[in-house]
C-alpha atoms as a PDB file:
ATOM      1  CA  MET A   1    -182.332  15.062  31.826  1.00  0.00           C
ATOM      2  CA  LEU A   2    -183.641  12.612  34.409  1.00  0.00           C
ATOM      3  CA  GLY A   3    -186.722  14.807  34.747  1.00  0.00           C
ATOM      4  CA  LYS A   4    -187.423  14.588  31.003  1.00  0.00           C
ATOM      5  CA  LEU A   5    -186.973  10.814  31.041  1.00  0.00           C
ATOM      6  CA  LEU A   6    -189.314  10.550  34.025  1.00  0.00           C
ATOM      7  CA  LYS A   7    -191.908  12.725  32.301  1.00  0.00           C
ATOM      8  CA  TYR A   8    -191.721  10.513  29.191  1.00  0.00           C
ATOM      9  CA  GLU A   9    -192.079   7.332  31.264  1.00  0.00           C
ATOM     10  CA  LEU A  10    -195.049   8.650  33.222  1.00  0.00           C
ATOM     11  CA  LYS A  11    -196.781   9.753  30.022  1.00  0.00           C
ATOM     12  CA  ALA A  12    -196.192   6.381  28.354  1.00  0.00           C
ATOM     13  CA  THR A  13    -197.482   4.372  31.319  1.00  0.00           C
ATOM     14  CA  SER A  14    -200.347   6.680  32.304  1.00  0.00           C
ATOM     15  CA  ARG A  15    -202.393   5.249  29.435  1.00  0.00           C
ATOM     16  CA  VAL A  16    -202.459   1.976  31.349  1.00  0.00           C
ATOM     17  CA  PHE A  17    -202.910   3.158  34.934  1.00  0.00           C
ATOM     18  CA  ILE A  18    -205.205   6.204  34.711  1.00  0.00           C
ATOM     19  CA  PRO A  19    -208.171   4.338  33.115  1.00  0.00           C
ATOM     20  CA  LEU A  20    -207.741   1.569  35.698  1.00  0.00           C
ATOM     21  CA  TYR A  21    -207.745   4.080  38.568  1.00  0.00           C
ATOM     22  CA  ILE A  22    -210.886   5.727  37.202  1.00  0.00           C
ATOM     23  CA  ALA A  23    -212.601   2.351  36.863  1.00  0.00           C
ATOM     24  CA  ILE A  24    -211.725   1.429  40.478  1.00  0.00           C
ATOM     25  CA  LEU A  25    -213.091   4.713  41.856  1.00  0.00           C
ATOM     26  CA  VAL A  26    -216.272   4.512  39.755  1.00  0.00           C
ATOM     27  CA  VAL A  27    -216.964   0.930  40.872  1.00  0.00           C
ATOM     28  CA  SER A  28    -216.259   1.989  44.473  1.00  0.00           C
ATOM     29  CA  ILE A  29    -218.903   4.733  44.181  1.00  0.00           C
ATOM     30  CA  VAL A  30    -221.397   2.224  42.731  1.00  0.00           C
ATOM     31  CA  ASN A  31    -220.555  -0.155  45.576  1.00  0.00           C
ATOM     32  CA  GLY A  32    -221.090   2.541  48.182  1.00  0.00           C
ATOM     33  CA  LEU A  33    -224.359   3.742  46.643  1.00  0.00           C
ATOM     34  CA  SER A  34    -225.710   0.198  46.391  1.00  0.00           C
ATOM     35  CA  LEU A  35    -224.939  -0.315  50.085  1.00  0.00           C
ATOM     36  CA  ASN A  36    -226.648   2.972  50.927  1.00  0.00           C
ATOM     37  CA  LEU A  37    -229.747   2.045  48.912  1.00  0.00           C
ATOM     38  CA  GLU A  38    -229.562  -1.594  50.109  1.00  0.00           C
ATOM     39  CA  ILE A  39    -229.436  -2.963  46.564  1.00  0.00           C
ATOM     40  CA  PHE A  40    -227.434  -5.986  47.591  1.00  0.00           C
ATOM     41  CA  ASN A  41    -227.380  -7.807  44.239  1.00  0.00           C
ATOM     42  CA  ILE A  42    -225.656  -4.806  42.611  1.00  0.00           C
ATOM     43  CA  GLN A  43    -223.416  -4.445  45.646  1.00  0.00           C
ATOM     44  CA  GLY A  44    -222.308  -8.072  45.355  1.00  0.00           C
ATOM     45  CA  LEU A  45    -221.521  -7.703  41.658  1.00  0.00           C
ATOM     46  CA  ALA A  46    -219.678  -4.423  42.267  1.00  0.00           C
ATOM     47  CA  THR A  47    -217.589  -6.069  44.989  1.00  0.00           C
ATOM     48  CA  ILE A  48    -216.548  -8.897  42.652  1.00  0.00           C
ATOM     49  CA  ILE A  49    -215.651  -6.415  39.897  1.00  0.00           C
ATOM     50  CA  LEU A  50    -213.690  -4.294  42.376  1.00  0.00           C
ATOM     51  CA  MET A  51    -211.712  -7.312  43.581  1.00  0.00           C
ATOM     52  CA  CYS A  52    -210.903  -8.216  39.977  1.00  0.00           C
ATOM     53  CA  LEU A  53    -209.774  -4.641  39.304  1.00  0.00           C
ATOM     54  CA  PHE A  54    -207.450  -4.661  42.319  1.00  0.00           C
ATOM     55  CA  ILE A  55    -205.954  -8.000  41.244  1.00  0.00           C
ATOM     56  CA  SER A  56    -205.502  -6.579  37.750  1.00  0.00           C
ATOM     57  CA  LEU A  57    -203.848  -3.478  39.200  1.00  0.00           C
ATOM     58  CA  PHE A  58    -201.360  -5.585  41.144  1.00  0.00           C
ATOM     59  CA  VAL A  59    -200.517  -7.770  38.146  1.00  0.00           C
ATOM     60  CA  ILE A  60    -200.312  -4.832  35.716  1.00  0.00           C
ATOM     61  CA  THR A  61    -197.949  -2.933  38.048  1.00  0.00           C
ATOM     62  CA  ILE A  62    -195.510  -5.868  38.031  1.00  0.00           C
ATOM     63  CA  VAL A  63    -195.898  -6.486  34.289  1.00  0.00           C
ATOM     64  CA  VAL A  64    -195.353  -2.828  33.383  1.00  0.00           C
ATOM     65  CA  THR A  65    -192.260  -2.709  35.621  1.00  0.00           C
ATOM     66  CA  ILE A  66    -190.765  -5.669  33.754  1.00  0.00           C
ATOM     67  CA  GLN A  67    -191.993  -4.707  30.288  1.00  0.00           C
ATOM     68  CA  ARG A  68    -190.842  -1.074  30.331  1.00  0.00           C
ATOM     69  CA  PHE A  69    -187.283  -2.037  31.287  1.00  0.00           C
ATOM     70  CA  ASN A  70    -187.051  -5.058  29.006  1.00  0.00           C
ATOM     71  CA  LYS A  71    -188.716  -3.588  25.931  1.00  0.00           C
ATOM     72  CA  ASN A  72    -187.355  -0.066  26.271  1.00  0.00           C
ATOM     73  CA  LEU A  73    -183.720  -0.866  27.083  1.00  0.00           C
ATOM     74  CA  LEU A  74    -182.935  -4.463  26.134  1.00  0.00           C
ATOM     75  CA  LYS A  75    -184.809  -4.869  22.852  1.00  0.00           C
ATOM     76  CA  ASP A  76    -185.041  -2.868  19.628  1.00  0.00           C
ATOM     77  CA  GLU A  77    -186.004   0.372  21.382  1.00  0.00           C
ATOM     78  CA  GLY A  78    -182.693   0.167  23.222  1.00  0.00           C
ATOM     79  CA  TYR A  79    -180.844   1.219  20.050  1.00  0.00           C
ATOM     80  CA  LEU A  80    -182.611   4.580  20.308  1.00  0.00           C
ATOM     81  CA  MET A  81    -182.520   4.943  24.099  1.00  0.00           C
ATOM     82  CA  PHE A  82    -178.764   4.396  24.362  1.00  0.00           C
ATOM     83  CA  THR A  83    -178.062   7.004  21.677  1.00  0.00           C
ATOM     84  CA  LEU A  84    -179.583   9.672  23.946  1.00  0.00           C
ATOM     85  CA  PRO A  85    -177.075  11.935  25.749  1.00  0.00           C
ATOM     86  CA  VAL A  86    -177.889  10.381  29.135  1.00  0.00           C
ATOM     87  CA  SER A  87    -176.165   7.808  31.306  1.00  0.00           C
ATOM     88  CA  SER A  88    -177.471   4.305  31.839  1.00  0.00           C
ATOM     89  CA  LYS A  89    -177.920   5.263  35.501  1.00  0.00           C
ATOM     90  CA  SER A  90    -180.457   7.933  34.516  1.00  0.00           C
ATOM     91  CA  LEU A  91    -182.286   5.476  32.263  1.00  0.00           C
ATOM     92  CA  VAL A  92    -182.544   2.877  35.027  1.00  0.00           C
ATOM     93  CA  LEU A  93    -183.552   5.459  37.642  1.00  0.00           C
ATOM     94  CA  SER A  94    -186.317   6.815  35.398  1.00  0.00           C
ATOM     95  CA  LYS A  95    -187.786   3.311  35.103  1.00  0.00           C
ATOM     96  CA  TYR A  96    -187.503   2.717  38.841  1.00  0.00           C
ATOM     97  CA  LEU A  97    -188.982   6.077  39.902  1.00  0.00           C
ATOM     98  CA  THR A  98    -191.890   5.633  37.491  1.00  0.00           C
ATOM     99  CA  SER A  99    -192.692   2.223  38.953  1.00  0.00           C
ATOM    100  CA  LEU A 100    -192.425   3.621  42.486  1.00  0.00           C
ATOM    101  CA  ILE A 101    -194.730   6.562  41.685  1.00  0.00           C
ATOM    102  CA  TRP A 102    -197.429   4.324  40.195  1.00  0.00           C
ATOM    103  CA  THR A 103    -197.156   1.933  43.150  1.00  0.00           C
ATOM    104  CA  PHE A 104    -197.639   4.832  45.565  1.00  0.00           C
ATOM    105  CA  LEU A 105    -200.595   6.160  43.562  1.00  0.00           C
ATOM    106  CA  SER A 106    -202.101   2.667  43.536  1.00  0.00           C
ATOM    107  CA  PHE A 107    -202.058   2.645  47.353  1.00  0.00           C
ATOM    108  CA  VAL A 108    -203.653   6.103  47.375  1.00  0.00           C
ATOM    109  CA  VAL A 109    -206.406   4.927  45.024  1.00  0.00           C
ATOM    110  CA  ALA A 110    -206.971   1.809  47.147  1.00  0.00           C
ATOM    111  CA  PHE A 111    -207.234   3.993  50.276  1.00  0.00           C
ATOM    112  CA  LEU A 112    -209.722   6.320  48.546  1.00  0.00           C
ATOM    113  CA  SER A 113    -211.701   3.347  47.265  1.00  0.00           C
ATOM    114  CA  PHE A 114    -212.210   1.798  50.709  1.00  0.00           C
ATOM    115  CA  ASN A 115    -213.056   5.197  52.193  1.00  0.00           C
ATOM    116  CA  ILE A 116    -215.658   5.833  49.474  1.00  0.00           C
ATOM    117  CA  ILE A 117    -217.289   2.463  50.163  1.00  0.00           C
ATOM    118  CA  PHE A 118    -217.344   3.211  53.906  1.00  0.00           C
ATOM    119  CA  ILE A 119    -218.362   6.889  53.855  1.00  0.00           C
ATOM    120  CA  ILE A 120    -221.228   6.825  51.317  1.00  0.00           C
ATOM    121  CA  PRO A 121    -223.495   4.479  53.349  1.00  0.00           C
ATOM    122  CA  THR A 122    -222.577   6.163  56.663  1.00  0.00           C
ATOM    123  CA  TYR A 123    -222.268   9.820  55.662  1.00  0.00           C
ATOM    124  CA  LYS A 124    -225.381  10.764  57.706  1.00  0.00           C
ATOM    125  CA  TYR A 125    -223.808   9.380  60.867  1.00  0.00           C
ATOM    126  CA  PHE A 126    -220.151  10.055  60.098  1.00  0.00           C
ATOM    127  CA  ASP A 127    -218.600  12.360  62.702  1.00  0.00           C
ATOM    128  CA  PHE A 128    -215.501  13.880  61.136  1.00  0.00           C
ATOM    129  CA  SER A 129    -214.452  15.648  64.344  1.00  0.00           C
ATOM    130  CA  TYR A 130    -214.561  12.330  66.238  1.00  0.00           C
ATOM    131  CA  PHE A 131    -212.391  10.754  63.562  1.00  0.00           C
ATOM    132  CA  VAL A 132    -209.870  13.619  63.798  1.00  0.00           C
ATOM    133  CA  ASN A 133    -209.794  13.389  67.613  1.00  0.00           C
ATOM    134  CA  GLU A 134    -209.187   9.633  67.512  1.00  0.00           C
ATOM    135  CA  PHE A 135    -206.396  10.103  64.981  1.00  0.00           C
ATOM    136  CA  ASN A 136    -204.779  12.792  67.160  1.00  0.00           C
ATOM    137  CA  LEU A 137    -205.065  10.492  70.187  1.00  0.00           C
ATOM    138  CA  LEU A 138    -203.416   7.648  68.291  1.00  0.00           C
ATOM    139  CA  PHE A 139    -200.659   9.987  67.106  1.00  0.00           C
ATOM    140  CA  SER A 140    -200.094  11.242  70.667  1.00  0.00           C
ATOM    141  CA  ASN A 141    -199.901   7.700  72.035  1.00  0.00           C
ATOM    142  CA  MET A 142    -197.346   6.774  69.394  1.00  0.00           C
ATOM    143  CA  LEU A 143    -195.280   9.793  70.418  1.00  0.00           C
ATOM    144  CA  ASN A 144    -195.566   8.982  74.129  1.00  0.00           C
ATOM    145  CA  LEU A 145    -194.530   5.374  73.580  1.00  0.00           C
ATOM    146  CA  ASN A 146    -191.716   6.522  71.296  1.00  0.00           C
ATOM    147  CA  ILE A 147    -192.881   4.225  68.489  1.00  0.00           C
ATOM    148  CA  LEU A 148    -193.672   6.811  65.821  1.00  0.00           C
ATOM    149  CA  GLY A 149    -190.070   6.708  64.635  1.00  0.00           C
ATOM    150  CA  GLN A 150    -190.212   2.904  64.450  1.00  0.00           C
ATOM    151  CA  PHE A 151    -193.436   3.090  62.443  1.00  0.00           C
ATOM    152  CA  ILE A 152    -191.804   5.479  59.957  1.00  0.00           C
ATOM    153  CA  LYS A 153    -188.798   3.152  59.708  1.00  0.00           C
ATOM    154  CA  ILE A 154    -191.102   0.211  58.974  1.00  0.00           C
ATOM    155  CA  ILE A 155    -192.742   2.174  56.142  1.00  0.00           C
ATOM    156  CA  LEU A 156    -189.288   3.101  54.833  1.00  0.00           C
ATOM    157  CA  LEU A 157    -188.202  -0.529  55.048  1.00  0.00           C
ATOM    158  CA  MET A 158    -191.259  -1.578  53.026  1.00  0.00           C
ATOM    159  CA  VAL A 159    -190.319   0.920  50.305  1.00  0.00           C
ATOM    160  CA  ILE A 160    -186.718  -0.306  50.388  1.00  0.00           C
ATOM    161  CA  SER A 161    -187.855  -3.948  50.133  1.00  0.00           C
ATOM    162  CA  TYR A 162    -189.978  -3.112  47.097  1.00  0.00           C
ATOM    163  CA  THR A 163    -186.991  -1.262  45.623  1.00  0.00           C
ATOM    164  CA  ILE A 164    -184.876  -4.391  46.072  1.00  0.00           C
ATOM    165  CA  PHE A 165    -187.497  -6.387  44.172  1.00  0.00           C
ATOM    166  CA  ILE A 166    -187.479  -3.888  41.280  1.00  0.00           C
ATOM    167  CA  PHE A 167    -183.686  -3.771  40.999  1.00  0.00           C
ATOM    168  CA  ASN A 168    -183.536  -7.546  41.293  1.00  0.00           C
ATOM    169  CA  VAL A 169    -185.855  -7.728  38.267  1.00  0.00           C
ATOM    170  CA  TYR A 170    -183.700  -5.207  36.387  1.00  0.00           C
ATOM    171  CA  LEU A 171    -180.463  -7.060  37.135  1.00  0.00           C
ATOM    172  CA  SER A 172    -181.985 -10.434  36.250  1.00  0.00           C
ATOM    173  CA  LEU A 173    -183.218  -9.120  32.889  1.00  0.00           C
ATOM    174  CA  SER A 174    -179.810  -7.569  32.230  1.00  0.00           C
ATOM    175  CA  ILE A 175    -178.025 -10.833  33.048  1.00  0.00           C
ATOM    176  CA  GLY A 176    -180.370 -12.673  30.684  1.00  0.00           C
ATOM    177  CA  GLN A 177    -179.248 -10.532  27.723  1.00  0.00           C
ATOM    178  CA  LEU A 178    -175.527 -11.297  28.187  1.00  0.00           C
ATOM    179  CA  PRO A 179    -173.992 -12.899  25.057  1.00  0.00           C
ATOM    180  CA  ILE A 180    -173.404 -16.201  26.855  1.00  0.00           C
ATOM    181  CA  PHE A 181    -177.151 -16.567  27.404  1.00  0.00           C
ATOM    182  CA  ASN A 182    -178.300 -15.565  23.890  1.00  0.00           C
ATOM    183  CA  ARG A 183    -180.236 -18.780  23.291  1.00  0.00           C
ATOM    184  CA  PHE A 184    -181.887 -18.907  26.699  1.00  0.00           C
ATOM    185  CA  ARG A 185    -182.556 -15.285  27.656  1.00  0.00           C
ATOM    186  CA  ASN A 186    -185.878 -15.738  29.449  1.00  0.00           C
ATOM    187  CA  ILE A 187    -184.813 -18.854  31.337  1.00  0.00           C
ATOM    188  CA  SER A 188    -181.495 -17.232  32.293  1.00  0.00           C
ATOM    189  CA  SER A 189    -183.294 -14.155  33.605  1.00  0.00           C
ATOM    190  CA  PHE A 190    -185.676 -16.284  35.669  1.00  0.00           C
ATOM    191  CA  ILE A 191    -182.861 -18.389  37.145  1.00  0.00           C
ATOM    192  CA  GLY A 192    -180.870 -15.217  37.793  1.00  0.00           C
ATOM    193  CA  PHE A 193    -183.838 -13.744  39.683  1.00  0.00           C
ATOM    194  CA  LEU A 194    -184.086 -16.828  41.904  1.00  0.00           C
ATOM    195  CA  VAL A 195    -180.334 -16.966  42.583  1.00  0.00           C
ATOM    196  CA  ILE A 196    -180.137 -13.256  43.434  1.00  0.00           C
ATOM    197  CA  ASN A 197    -183.134 -13.672  45.761  1.00  0.00           C
ATOM    198  CA  LEU A 198    -181.390 -16.538  47.553  1.00  0.00           C
ATOM    199  CA  LEU A 199    -178.210 -14.465  47.979  1.00  0.00           C
ATOM    200  CA  ILE A 200    -180.182 -11.497  49.308  1.00  0.00           C
ATOM    201  CA  SER A 201    -182.118 -13.734  51.730  1.00  0.00           C
ATOM    202  CA  TYR A 202    -178.863 -15.276  52.960  1.00  0.00           C
ATOM    203  CA  ALA A 203    -177.345 -11.835  53.597  1.00  0.00           C
ATOM    204  CA  GLN A 204    -180.461 -10.612  55.408  1.00  0.00           C
ATOM    205  CA  ASN A 205    -180.742 -13.776  57.535  1.00  0.00           C
ATOM    206  CA  THR A 206    -177.075 -13.555  58.509  1.00  0.00           C
ATOM    207  CA  VAL A 207    -177.565 -10.002  59.728  1.00  0.00           C
ATOM    208  CA  SER A 208    -180.776 -11.002  61.570  1.00  0.00           C
ATOM    209  CA  LEU A 209    -178.916 -13.729  63.462  1.00  0.00           C
ATOM    210  CA  PHE A 210    -176.254 -11.219  64.460  1.00  0.00           C
ATOM    211  CA  VAL A 211    -178.887  -8.791  65.761  1.00  0.00           C
ATOM    212  CA  ASN A 212    -180.735 -11.531  67.677  1.00  0.00           C
ATOM    213  CA  ASP A 213    -177.527 -12.675  69.365  1.00  0.00           C
ATOM    214  CA  ALA A 214    -176.854  -9.113  70.503  1.00  0.00           C
ATOM    215  CA  SER A 215    -180.401  -8.573  71.860  1.00  0.00           C
ATOM    216  CA  VAL A 216    -181.330  -8.162  75.514  1.00  0.00           C
ATOM    217  CA  ASN A 217    -183.139 -10.987  77.309  1.00  0.00           C
ATOM    218  CA  ILE A 218    -186.497  -9.226  77.783  1.00  0.00           C
ATOM    219  CA  GLU A 219    -187.954 -12.113  79.791  1.00  0.00           C
ATOM    220  CA  ALA A 220    -185.466 -11.431  82.584  1.00  0.00           C
ATOM    221  CA  ILE A 221    -186.597  -7.817  82.989  1.00  0.00           C
ATOM    222  CA  ASP A 222    -189.123  -7.186  85.788  1.00  0.00           C
ATOM    223  CA  ASN A 223    -189.813  -3.472  85.298  1.00  0.00           C
ATOM    224  CA  ILE A 224    -192.518  -3.080  82.623  1.00  0.00           C
ATOM    225  CA  ASN A 225    -191.453   0.429  81.609  1.00  0.00           C
ATOM    226  CA  TYR A 226    -187.852  -0.634  81.251  1.00  0.00           C
ATOM    227  CA  ALA A 227    -189.001  -3.696  79.302  1.00  0.00           C
ATOM    228  CA  ILE A 228    -190.946  -1.503  76.854  1.00  0.00           C
ATOM    229  CA  SER A 229    -187.952   0.803  76.523  1.00  0.00           C
ATOM    230  CA  SER A 230    -185.662  -2.172  75.902  1.00  0.00           C
ATOM    231  CA  VAL A 231    -187.988  -3.674  73.289  1.00  0.00           C
ATOM    232  CA  THR A 232    -188.229  -0.304  71.538  1.00  0.00           C
ATOM    233  CA  SER A 233    -184.452   0.036  71.573  1.00  0.00           C
ATOM    234  CA  ILE A 234    -183.949  -3.452  70.145  1.00  0.00           C
ATOM    235  CA  VAL A 235    -186.571  -2.933  67.457  1.00  0.00           C
ATOM    236  CA  SER A 236    -185.023   0.427  66.556  1.00  0.00           C
ATOM    237  CA  LYS A 237    -181.560  -1.104  66.340  1.00  0.00           C
ATOM    238  CA  GLY A 238    -182.840  -3.987  64.219  1.00  0.00           C
ATOM    239  CA  LEU A 239    -184.669  -1.638  61.864  1.00  0.00           C
ATOM    240  CA  ASN A 240    -181.610   0.607  61.528  1.00  0.00           C
ATOM    241  CA  ILE A 241    -179.369  -2.324  60.651  1.00  0.00           C
ATOM    242  CA  ALA A 242    -181.972  -3.750  58.242  1.00  0.00           C
ATOM    243  CA  ILE A 243    -182.285  -0.380  56.487  1.00  0.00           C
ATOM    244  CA  VAL A 244    -178.503  -0.011  56.123  1.00  0.00           C
ATOM    245  CA  ILE A 245    -178.006  -3.575  54.864  1.00  0.00           C
ATOM    246  CA  ASN A 246    -180.883  -3.290  52.387  1.00  0.00           C
ATOM    247  CA  LEU A 247    -179.591   0.048  51.104  1.00  0.00           C
ATOM    248  CA  ILE A 248    -176.222  -1.616  50.453  1.00  0.00           C
ATOM    249  CA  ILE A 249    -178.026  -4.412  48.595  1.00  0.00           C
ATOM    250  CA  ILE A 250    -179.872  -1.825  46.480  1.00  0.00           C
ATOM    251  CA  LEU A 251    -176.589  -0.107  45.559  1.00  0.00           C
ATOM    252  CA  VAL A 252    -175.020  -3.447  44.575  1.00  0.00           C
ATOM    253  CA  LEU A 253    -178.014  -4.359  42.402  1.00  0.00           C
ATOM    254  CA  PHE A 254    -178.159  -0.886  40.843  1.00  0.00           C
ATOM    255  CA  PHE A 255    -174.462  -0.631  39.952  1.00  0.00           C
ATOM    256  CA  ALA A 256    -174.358  -4.250  38.740  1.00  0.00           C
ATOM    257  CA  THR A 257    -177.262  -3.469  36.389  1.00  0.00           C
ATOM    258  CA  THR A 258    -175.722  -0.253  35.053  1.00  0.00           C
ATOM    259  CA  TYR A 259    -172.342  -1.989  34.639  1.00  0.00           C
ATOM    260  CA  ILE A 260    -173.906  -4.632  32.393  1.00  0.00           C
ATOM    261  CA  LEU A 261    -175.761  -1.978  30.406  1.00  0.00           C
ATOM    262  CA  ASP A 262    -172.568   0.078  29.997  1.00  0.00           C
ATOM    263  CA  LYS A 263    -170.037  -2.690  29.343  1.00  0.00           C
ATOM    264  CA  LYS A 264    -171.897  -5.853  28.321  1.00  0.00           C
ATOM    265  CA  LEU A 265    -174.946  -4.610  26.455  1.00  0.00           C
ATOM    266  CA  ASN A 266    -176.153  -7.143  23.883  1.00  0.00           C
ATOM    267  CA  LEU A 267    -179.370  -5.884  22.303  1.00  0.00           C
ATOM    268  CA  GLU A 268    -181.631  -8.226  20.370  1.00  0.00           C
END
């Protein structure tokens, strides 16, 4: 059933994102062509439009994340959604996964956009084999220095941090619809978001202090290879602890949200 919910969410939100993606890629092509033909007045205008589109994409991603959860589950549409034979966990996960998918696709579109702008003016001189060789060299160096795993963990931590933001929004909106806050739903949600952020920051800072206290004094190490190994080990340990702590935070936010939806739901 989660798959059907996800399909419905993607279809409902695609009407917002797909036209915006197309517009970004089209403007990127115009930007690249204007650079190639040295039509700098068009290139300047295209750059401004492209910047505005990227700002709009960022804002719309956040707005859609908030709106789909609030409108679909906490307002009138919630009467229909909670009559479906699915758990509140599936409903929340469908919203979250949809937001995550569109965020990922937005990064892909941004990557394609910058590559289009770069490749079109330089396609005559662009050496693809050189690019591949440089990428392979970079990959090999990351393997030799044993930092590829740390890089992957950093990417994972970025995804986890964004997940915390989404579930913080969901929990804050859910808190705002509790009966005690009926007259001040929006303000209560906003205050709840700030308070939850402070609690999360406190937990993360406490763990960071613990990790720093347990770290090795790198300045006292003379051997450069051992120093690099020690730094890598400390970074790896810090990333592992950060990932675990943030995953616990995500679970707390997720189950707190679903508990309110299951036990304290107060639709408008």
